[in-house]
PDB file of N, CA and C in Angstrom:
ATOM      1  N   MET A   1     -27.646  -4.211  -6.524  1.00  0.00           N
ATOM      2  CA  MET A   1     -27.957  -4.604  -5.135  1.00  0.00           C
ATOM      3  C   MET A   1     -26.763  -4.280  -3.738  1.00  0.00           C
ATOM      4  N   ALA A   2     -27.204  -3.684  -2.864  1.00  0.00           N
ATOM      5  CA  ALA A   2     -26.361  -3.083  -1.989  1.00  0.00           C
ATOM      6  C   ALA A   2     -25.568  -3.905  -1.158  1.00  0.00           C
ATOM      7  N   ILE A   3     -24.301  -3.524  -0.907  1.00  0.00           N
ATOM      8  CA  ILE A   3     -23.627  -4.561  -0.136  1.00  0.00           C
ATOM      9  C   ILE A   3     -23.776  -4.246   1.227  1.00  0.00           C
ATOM     10  N   SER A   4     -23.618  -5.414   2.138  1.00  0.00           N
ATOM     11  CA  SER A   4     -23.791  -4.871   3.496  1.00  0.00           C
ATOM     12  C   SER A   4     -22.566  -4.388   4.262  1.00  0.00           C
ATOM     13  N   GLN A   5     -22.574  -3.447   5.355  1.00  0.00           N
ATOM     14  CA  GLN A   5     -21.485  -2.668   5.851  1.00  0.00           C
ATOM     15  C   GLN A   5     -20.620  -3.881   6.369  1.00  0.00           C
ATOM     16  N   LYS A   6     -21.078  -5.102   6.867  1.00  0.00           N
ATOM     17  CA  LYS A   6     -20.152  -6.076   7.204  1.00  0.00           C
ATOM     18  C   LYS A   6     -19.143  -6.686   5.968  1.00  0.00           C
ATOM     19  N   ILE A   7     -19.952  -6.952   4.879  1.00  0.00           N
ATOM     20  CA  ILE A   7     -19.004  -7.537   3.863  1.00  0.00           C
ATOM     21  C   ILE A   7     -18.031  -6.327   2.964  1.00  0.00           C
ATOM     22  N   LEU A   8     -18.337  -5.474   3.438  1.00  0.00           N
ATOM     23  CA  LEU A   8     -17.920  -4.063   2.892  1.00  0.00           C
ATOM     24  C   LEU A   8     -16.344  -3.681   3.595  1.00  0.00           C
ATOM     25  N   LYS A   9     -16.227  -3.704   4.906  1.00  0.00           N
ATOM     26  CA  LYS A   9     -15.397  -3.789   5.565  1.00  0.00           C
ATOM     27  C   LYS A   9     -14.419  -4.965   5.685  1.00  0.00           C
ATOM     28  N   ALA A  10     -15.279  -6.123   5.380  1.00  0.00           N
ATOM     29  CA  ALA A  10     -14.274  -7.172   5.215  1.00  0.00           C
ATOM     30  C   ALA A  10     -13.452  -7.156   3.915  1.00  0.00           C
ATOM     31  N   LYS A  11     -14.172  -6.922   2.852  1.00  0.00           N
ATOM     32  CA  LYS A  11     -13.529  -6.713   1.508  1.00  0.00           C
ATOM     33  C   LYS A  11     -12.265  -5.234   1.463  1.00  0.00           C
ATOM     34  N   ILE A  12     -12.668  -4.312   2.247  1.00  0.00           N
ATOM     35  CA  ILE A  12     -11.774  -3.358   2.070  1.00  0.00           C
ATOM     36  C   ILE A  12     -10.152  -3.683   3.314  1.00  0.00           C
ATOM     37  N   ALA A  13     -10.597  -4.620   4.061  1.00  0.00           N
ATOM     38  CA  ALA A  13      -9.700  -5.038   4.976  1.00  0.00           C
ATOM     39  C   ALA A  13      -8.952  -6.196   3.806  1.00  0.00           C
ATOM     40  N   LEU A  14      -9.309  -7.103   3.516  1.00  0.00           N
ATOM     41  CA  LEU A  14      -8.501  -7.577   2.713  1.00  0.00           C
ATOM     42  C   LEU A  14      -7.747  -6.823   1.182  1.00  0.00           C
ATOM     43  N   GLN A  15      -8.252  -5.715   0.799  1.00  0.00           N
ATOM     44  CA  GLN A  15      -7.259  -4.885  -0.161  1.00  0.00           C
ATOM     45  C   GLN A  15      -6.663  -4.107   0.540  1.00  0.00           C
ATOM     46  N   GLN A  16      -6.730  -3.994   1.752  1.00  0.00           N
ATOM     47  CA  GLN A  16      -5.365  -3.585   2.464  1.00  0.00           C
ATOM     48  C   GLN A  16      -4.138  -3.786   3.151  1.00  0.00           C
ATOM     49  N   GLU A  17      -4.854  -5.249   3.202  1.00  0.00           N
ATOM     50  CA  GLU A  17      -3.798  -6.140   3.420  1.00  0.00           C
ATOM     51  C   GLU A  17      -2.712  -6.679   1.871  1.00  0.00           C
ATOM     52  N   ALA A  18      -3.528  -6.687   1.370  1.00  0.00           N
ATOM     53  CA  ALA A  18      -2.974  -6.914  -0.435  1.00  0.00           C
ATOM     54  C   ALA A  18      -1.887  -5.861  -0.696  1.00  0.00           C
ATOM     55  N   VAL A  19      -2.292  -4.660  -0.400  1.00  0.00           N
ATOM     56  CA  VAL A  19      -1.385  -3.447  -0.699  1.00  0.00           C
ATOM     57  C   VAL A  19       0.018  -3.194   0.392  1.00  0.00           C
ATOM     58  N   ALA A  20      -0.430  -3.752   1.729  1.00  0.00           N
ATOM     59  CA  ALA A  20       0.344  -3.688   2.564  1.00  0.00           C
ATOM     60  C   ALA A  20       1.597  -4.732   2.415  1.00  0.00           C
ATOM     61  N   LYS A  21       1.328  -6.046   1.745  1.00  0.00           N
ATOM     62  CA  LYS A  21       2.057  -7.001   1.306  1.00  0.00           C
ATOM     63  C   LYS A  21       2.572  -6.782   0.055  1.00  0.00           C
ATOM     64  N   GLN A  22       2.332  -6.003  -0.874  1.00  0.00           N
ATOM     65  CA  GLN A  22       2.748  -5.648  -2.085  1.00  0.00           C
ATOM     66  C   GLN A  22       4.065  -4.772  -1.715  1.00  0.00           C
ATOM     67  N   LEU A  23       3.615  -3.690  -0.998  1.00  0.00           N
ATOM     68  CA  LEU A  23       4.576  -2.074  -0.700  1.00  0.00           C
ATOM     69  C   LEU A  23       5.684  -3.053   0.115  1.00  0.00           C
ATOM     70  N   ARG A  24       5.601  -3.872   0.962  1.00  0.00           N
ATOM     71  CA  ARG A  24       6.863  -4.537   1.725  1.00  0.00           C
ATOM     72  C   ARG A  24       7.728  -5.224   0.522  1.00  0.00           C
ATOM     73  N   LYS A  25       6.932  -5.766  -0.251  1.00  0.00           N
ATOM     74  CA  LYS A  25       7.822  -7.050  -1.499  1.00  0.00           C
ATOM     75  C   LYS A  25       8.243  -6.046  -2.206  1.00  0.00           C
ATOM     76  N   LEU A  26       7.768  -4.740  -2.752  1.00  0.00           N
ATOM     77  CA  LEU A  26       8.543  -4.176  -3.768  1.00  0.00           C
ATOM     78  C   LEU A  26       9.948  -3.032  -3.059  1.00  0.00           C
ATOM     79  N   ARG A  27       9.465  -2.885  -1.627  1.00  0.00           N
ATOM     80  CA  ARG A  27      10.471  -2.456  -0.890  1.00  0.00           C
ATOM     81  C   ARG A  27      11.524  -2.822  -0.959  1.00  0.00           C
ATOM     82  N   ILE A  28      11.784  -4.759  -0.434  1.00  0.00           N
ATOM     83  CA  ILE A  28      12.662  -5.329  -0.313  1.00  0.00           C
ATOM     84  C   ILE A  28      13.355  -5.641  -1.594  1.00  0.00           C
ATOM     85  N   ASP A  29      12.271  -5.833  -2.573  1.00  0.00           N
ATOM     86  CA  ASP A  29      13.278  -6.129  -4.065  1.00  0.00           C
ATOM     87  C   ASP A  29      13.795  -4.932  -3.917  1.00  0.00           C
ATOM     88  N   ALA A  30      13.406  -3.634  -3.935  1.00  0.00           N
ATOM     89  CA  ALA A  30      14.479  -2.525  -4.042  1.00  0.00           C
ATOM     90  C   ALA A  30      15.524  -2.196  -3.174  1.00  0.00           C
ATOM     91  N   GLU A  31      15.670  -3.327  -2.538  1.00  0.00           N
ATOM     92  CA  GLU A  31      16.783  -3.347  -1.526  1.00  0.00           C
ATOM     93  C   GLU A  31      16.870  -2.146  -0.156  1.00  0.00           C
ATOM     94  N   MET A  32      16.040  -1.995   0.037  1.00  0.00           N
ATOM     95  CA  MET A  32      15.291  -0.725   0.917  1.00  0.00           C
ATOM     96  C   MET A  32      14.958  -0.747   2.069  1.00  0.00           C
ATOM     97  N   SER A  33      15.505  -0.182   3.256  1.00  0.00           N
ATOM     98  CA  SER A  33      14.858  -0.380   4.655  1.00  0.00           C
ATOM     99  C   SER A  33      14.017   0.504   4.453  1.00  0.00           C
ATOM    100  N   GLN A  34      12.816   0.293   5.604  1.00  0.00           N
ATOM    101  CA  GLN A  34      11.751   1.377   5.615  1.00  0.00           C
ATOM    102  C   GLN A  34      12.450   2.824   6.095  1.00  0.00           C
ATOM    103  N   ASP A  35      13.548   2.745   6.739  1.00  0.00           N
ATOM    104  CA  ASP A  35      14.047   4.348   6.966  1.00  0.00           C
ATOM    105  C   ASP A  35      14.709   5.176   5.298  1.00  0.00           C
ATOM    106  N   ASN A  36      14.993   4.043   4.611  1.00  0.00           N
ATOM    107  CA  ASN A  36      15.741   4.494   3.629  1.00  0.00           C
ATOM    108  C   ASN A  36      14.346   5.211   2.693  1.00  0.00           C
ATOM    109  N   LEU A  37      13.462   4.112   2.174  1.00  0.00           N
ATOM    110  CA  LEU A  37      12.148   4.712   1.565  1.00  0.00           C
ATOM    111  C   LEU A  37      11.460   5.764   2.118  1.00  0.00           C
ATOM    112  N   ALA A  38      11.451   5.858   3.399  1.00  0.00           N
ATOM    113  CA  ALA A  38      10.760   7.061   4.324  1.00  0.00           C
ATOM    114  C   ALA A  38      11.729   8.193   3.754  1.00  0.00           C
ATOM    115  N   GLN A  39      13.204   8.301   4.238  1.00  0.00           N
ATOM    116  CA  GLN A  39      13.557   9.454   3.790  1.00  0.00           C
ATOM    117  C   GLN A  39      13.705  10.151   2.483  1.00  0.00           C
ATOM    118  N   LEU A  40      13.915   9.023   1.435  1.00  0.00           N
ATOM    119  CA  LEU A  40      14.015   9.575   0.056  1.00  0.00           C
ATOM    120  C   LEU A  40      12.456   9.892  -0.070  1.00  0.00           C
ATOM    121  N   ALA A  41      11.004   9.348   0.285  1.00  0.00           N
ATOM    122  CA  ALA A  41       9.886   9.868   0.168  1.00  0.00           C
ATOM    123  C   ALA A  41       9.558  11.064   0.728  1.00  0.00           C
ATOM    124  N   GLY A  42      10.123  11.874   1.448  1.00  0.00           N
ATOM    125  CA  GLY A  42      10.072  12.928   2.438  1.00  0.00           C
ATOM    126  C   GLY A  42       8.837  12.497   3.499  1.00  0.00           C
ATOM    127  N   ILE A  43       8.640  11.515   3.692  1.00  0.00           N
ATOM    128  CA  ILE A  43       7.449  11.029   5.133  1.00  0.00           C
ATOM    129  C   ILE A  43       8.135  10.629   6.122  1.00  0.00           C
ATOM    130  N   ASP A  44       7.507  10.126   7.241  1.00  0.00           N
ATOM    131  CA  ASP A  44       8.019   9.586   8.511  1.00  0.00           C
ATOM    132  C   ASP A  44       8.472   7.921   8.302  1.00  0.00           C
ATOM    133  N   ARG A  45       8.813   7.236   8.797  1.00  0.00           N
ATOM    134  CA  ARG A  45       9.496   5.925   9.155  1.00  0.00           C
ATOM    135  C   ARG A  45       8.197   5.245   9.599  1.00  0.00           C
ATOM    136  N   LYS A  46       7.802   5.722  10.603  1.00  0.00           N
ATOM    137  CA  LYS A  46       6.357   5.035  11.149  1.00  0.00           C
ATOM    138  C   LYS A  46       5.488   4.896  10.075  1.00  0.00           C
ATOM    139  N   THR A  47       4.875   6.110   9.269  1.00  0.00           N
ATOM    140  CA  THR A  47       4.112   5.647   8.050  1.00  0.00           C
ATOM    141  C   THR A  47       4.494   4.426   7.522  1.00  0.00           C
ATOM    142  N   ILE A  48       5.350   4.286   6.794  1.00  0.00           N
ATOM    143  CA  ILE A  48       5.792   3.119   6.068  1.00  0.00           C
ATOM    144  C   ILE A  48       5.551   1.532   6.764  1.00  0.00           C
ATOM    145  N   ASN A  49       5.710   2.059   8.072  1.00  0.00           N
ATOM    146  CA  ASN A  49       5.766   0.580   9.350  1.00  0.00           C
ATOM    147  C   ASN A  49       4.405   0.417   9.315  1.00  0.00           C
ATOM    148  N   ARG A  50       3.598   0.963   9.118  1.00  0.00           N
ATOM    149  CA  ARG A  50       2.096   0.883   9.482  1.00  0.00           C
ATOM    150  C   ARG A  50       1.150   0.808   8.414  1.00  0.00           C
ATOM    151  N   ILE A  51       1.731   1.509   7.035  1.00  0.00           N
ATOM    152  CA  ILE A  51       1.328   0.857   6.013  1.00  0.00           C
ATOM    153  C   ILE A  51       1.300  -0.396   5.584  1.00  0.00           C
ATOM    154  N   GLU A  52       2.746  -0.892   5.872  1.00  0.00           N
ATOM    155  CA  GLU A  52       2.892  -2.368   5.694  1.00  0.00           C
ATOM    156  C   GLU A  52       2.342  -3.285   6.683  1.00  0.00           C
ATOM    157  N   ASN A  53       2.305  -2.879   7.901  1.00  0.00           N
ATOM    158  CA  ASN A  53       1.432  -3.726   9.115  1.00  0.00           C
ATOM    159  C   ASN A  53       0.001  -3.281   8.692  1.00  0.00           C
ATOM    160  N   GLY A  54      -0.575  -2.824   7.879  1.00  0.00           N
ATOM    161  CA  GLY A  54      -2.138  -2.755   7.634  1.00  0.00           C
ATOM    162  C   GLY A  54      -2.742  -1.771   8.648  1.00  0.00           C
ATOM    163  N   HIS A  55      -2.084  -1.172   9.390  1.00  0.00           N
ATOM    164  CA  HIS A  55      -2.959   0.000  10.352  1.00  0.00           C
ATOM    165  C   HIS A  55      -3.055   1.347   9.930  1.00  0.00           C
ATOM    166  N   PHE A  56      -2.886   1.620   8.629  1.00  0.00           N
ATOM    167  CA  PHE A  56      -2.614   2.636   7.973  1.00  0.00           C
ATOM    168  C   PHE A  56      -3.291   2.754   6.679  1.00  0.00           C
ATOM    169  N   SER A  57      -4.080   3.349   5.943  1.00  0.00           N
ATOM    170  CA  SER A  57      -4.398   3.756   4.547  1.00  0.00           C
ATOM    171  C   SER A  57      -3.562   5.079   4.071  1.00  0.00           C
ATOM    172  N   PRO A  58      -2.990   4.651   2.842  1.00  0.00           N
ATOM    173  CA  PRO A  58      -1.969   5.752   2.637  1.00  0.00           C
ATOM    174  C   PRO A  58      -2.847   7.091   1.676  1.00  0.00           C
ATOM    175  N   THR A  59      -2.435   8.104   2.028  1.00  0.00           N
ATOM    176  CA  THR A  59      -3.173   9.089   1.149  1.00  0.00           C
ATOM    177  C   THR A  59      -2.407   8.708  -0.284  1.00  0.00           C
ATOM    178  N   LEU A  60      -3.284   9.756  -1.275  1.00  0.00           N
ATOM    179  CA  LEU A  60      -2.893   9.628  -2.486  1.00  0.00           C
ATOM    180  C   LEU A  60      -1.498   9.972  -2.684  1.00  0.00           C
ATOM    181  N   ASP A  61      -1.229  11.341  -2.106  1.00  0.00           N
ATOM    182  CA  ASP A  61       0.096  11.671  -1.780  1.00  0.00           C
ATOM    183  C   ASP A  61       1.344  10.689  -1.438  1.00  0.00           C
ATOM    184  N   THR A  62       1.140   9.996  -0.276  1.00  0.00           N
ATOM    185  CA  THR A  62       1.799   9.083   0.132  1.00  0.00           C
ATOM    186  C   THR A  62       1.988   7.821  -1.081  1.00  0.00           C
ATOM    187  N   ILE A  63       1.208   7.423  -1.683  1.00  0.00           N
ATOM    188  CA  ILE A  63       1.282   6.596  -2.535  1.00  0.00           C
ATOM    189  C   ILE A  63       2.171   7.167  -3.869  1.00  0.00           C
ATOM    190  N   THR A  64       2.092   8.186  -4.200  1.00  0.00           N
ATOM    191  CA  THR A  64       2.266   8.890  -5.117  1.00  0.00           C
ATOM    192  C   THR A  64       4.027   8.887  -4.851  1.00  0.00           C
ATOM    193  N   ARG A  65       4.485   9.446  -3.798  1.00  0.00           N
ATOM    194  CA  ARG A  65       5.737   9.811  -3.038  1.00  0.00           C
ATOM    195  C   ARG A  65       6.546   8.236  -3.396  1.00  0.00           C
ATOM    196  N   VAL A  66       5.930   7.200  -2.818  1.00  0.00           N
ATOM    197  CA  VAL A  66       6.494   5.723  -2.454  1.00  0.00           C
ATOM    198  C   VAL A  66       6.762   5.172  -3.838  1.00  0.00           C
ATOM    199  N   CYS A  67       5.674   5.758  -4.791  1.00  0.00           N
ATOM    200  CA  CYS A  67       5.995   5.047  -6.099  1.00  0.00           C
ATOM    201  C   CYS A  67       7.016   5.946  -6.839  1.00  0.00           C
ATOM    202  N   VAL A  68       7.254   7.069  -6.791  1.00  0.00           N
ATOM    203  CA  VAL A  68       8.141   7.693  -7.243  1.00  0.00           C
ATOM    204  C   VAL A  68       9.603   7.307  -7.013  1.00  0.00           C
ATOM    205  N   VAL A  69       9.820   6.756  -5.827  1.00  0.00           N
ATOM    206  CA  VAL A  69      11.117   6.339  -5.243  1.00  0.00           C
ATOM    207  C   VAL A  69      11.370   4.831  -5.616  1.00  0.00           C
ATOM    208  N   LEU A  70      10.454   4.298  -5.933  1.00  0.00           N
ATOM    209  CA  LEU A  70      10.286   2.887  -5.637  1.00  0.00           C
ATOM    210  C   LEU A  70      10.429   2.762  -7.411  1.00  0.00           C
ATOM    211  N   LYS A  71      10.296   3.905  -8.404  1.00  0.00           N
ATOM    212  CA  LYS A  71      10.285   3.770  -9.731  1.00  0.00           C
ATOM    213  C   LYS A  71       9.462   2.892  -9.888  1.00  0.00           C
ATOM    214  N   ILE A  72       8.251   2.781  -9.650  1.00  0.00           N
ATOM    215  CA  ILE A  72       6.982   2.043 -10.119  1.00  0.00           C
ATOM    216  C   ILE A  72       5.689   2.765 -10.383  1.00  0.00           C
ATOM    217  N   THR A  73       4.915   2.430 -11.080  1.00  0.00           N
ATOM    218  CA  THR A  73       3.775   3.007 -11.118  1.00  0.00           C
ATOM    219  C   THR A  73       2.763   2.741  -9.901  1.00  0.00           C
ATOM    220  N   PRO A  74       1.837   3.829  -9.687  1.00  0.00           N
ATOM    221  CA  PRO A  74       0.484   3.476  -8.444  1.00  0.00           C
ATOM    222  C   PRO A  74       0.015   1.713  -8.746  1.00  0.00           C
ATOM    223  N   SER A  75      -0.296   1.746 -10.143  1.00  0.00           N
ATOM    224  CA  SER A  75      -1.182   0.084 -10.698  1.00  0.00           C
ATOM    225  C   SER A  75       0.078  -0.792  -9.800  1.00  0.00           C
ATOM    226  N   ASN A  76       1.227  -0.680  -9.863  1.00  0.00           N
ATOM    227  CA  ASN A  76       1.889  -1.638  -9.325  1.00  0.00           C
ATOM    228  C   ASN A  76       1.984  -2.113  -7.954  1.00  0.00           C
ATOM    229  N   LEU A  77       1.503  -0.783  -7.227  1.00  0.00           N
ATOM    230  CA  LEU A  77       1.708  -0.898  -5.685  1.00  0.00           C
ATOM    231  C   LEU A  77       0.096  -1.378  -5.571  1.00  0.00           C
ATOM    232  N   LEU A  78      -0.919  -0.738  -6.061  1.00  0.00           N
ATOM    233  CA  LEU A  78      -2.392  -1.359  -5.762  1.00  0.00           C
ATOM    234  C   LEU A  78      -2.811  -2.206  -6.209  1.00  0.00           C
ATOM    235  N   GLY A  79      -2.522  -3.063  -7.140  1.00  0.00           N
ATOM    236  CA  GLY A  79      -2.755  -4.128  -7.973  1.00  0.00           C
ATOM    237  C   GLY A  79      -3.123  -4.176  -9.690  1.00  0.00           C
ATOM    238  N   SER A  80      -3.142  -5.301 -10.297  1.00  0.00           N
ATOM    239  CA  SER A  80      -3.369  -5.347 -11.577  1.00  0.00           C
ATOM    240  C   SER A  80      -4.145  -4.875 -11.881  1.00  0.00           C
ATOM    241  N   GLY A  81      -5.353  -4.185 -11.494  1.00  0.00           N
ATOM    242  CA  GLY A  81      -6.581  -3.748 -11.935  1.00  0.00           C
ATOM    243  C   GLY A  81      -7.647  -4.400 -11.967  1.00  0.00           C
ATOM    244  N   LYS A  82      -7.264  -6.154 -11.723  1.00  0.00           N
ATOM    245  CA  LYS A  82      -8.544  -7.272 -11.948  1.00  0.00           C
ATOM    246  C   LYS A  82      -9.443  -6.958 -11.094  1.00  0.00           C
ATOM    247  N   THR A  83     -10.930  -6.828 -11.213  1.00  0.00           N
ATOM    248  CA  THR A  83     -11.812  -6.795 -10.065  1.00  0.00           C
ATOM    249  C   THR A  83     -11.709  -8.360  -9.074  1.00  0.00           C
ATOM    250  N   THR A  84     -12.598  -7.953  -8.179  1.00  0.00           N
ATOM    251  CA  THR A  84     -12.097  -9.235  -7.153  1.00  0.00           C
ATOM    252  C   THR A  84     -13.581  -9.753  -7.192  1.00  0.00           C
ATOM    253  N   GLN A  85     -13.694 -10.920  -6.641  1.00  0.00           N
ATOM    254  CA  GLN A  85     -14.575 -11.872  -6.668  1.00  0.00           C
ATOM    255  C   GLN A  85     -15.790 -11.058  -5.733  1.00  0.00           C
ATOM    256  N   LYS A  86     -17.062 -11.272  -6.282  1.00  0.00           N
ATOM    257  CA  LYS A  86     -18.123 -11.170  -5.822  1.00  0.00           C
ATOM    258  C   LYS A  86     -18.398 -11.555  -4.495  1.00  0.00           C
TER     259      LYS A  86
END
């Protein structure tokens, strides 16, 4: 059964919000500012800010850089691997 575009967009927005909240939590837990994380990851601070505020979808390269600096795996950032409700 195909999913409607409206439902798809809503589910994507929820997932992006979850990643944004998780990044902020992990960064704060690591006692890092957005600037510290960005400098160590070799990306712009505005990129971290935009991801945390849900205004930007990070590339795999950005996710990998952030994860290396925070000493986590991408699955820690992206979620537990559990499926979402239908």
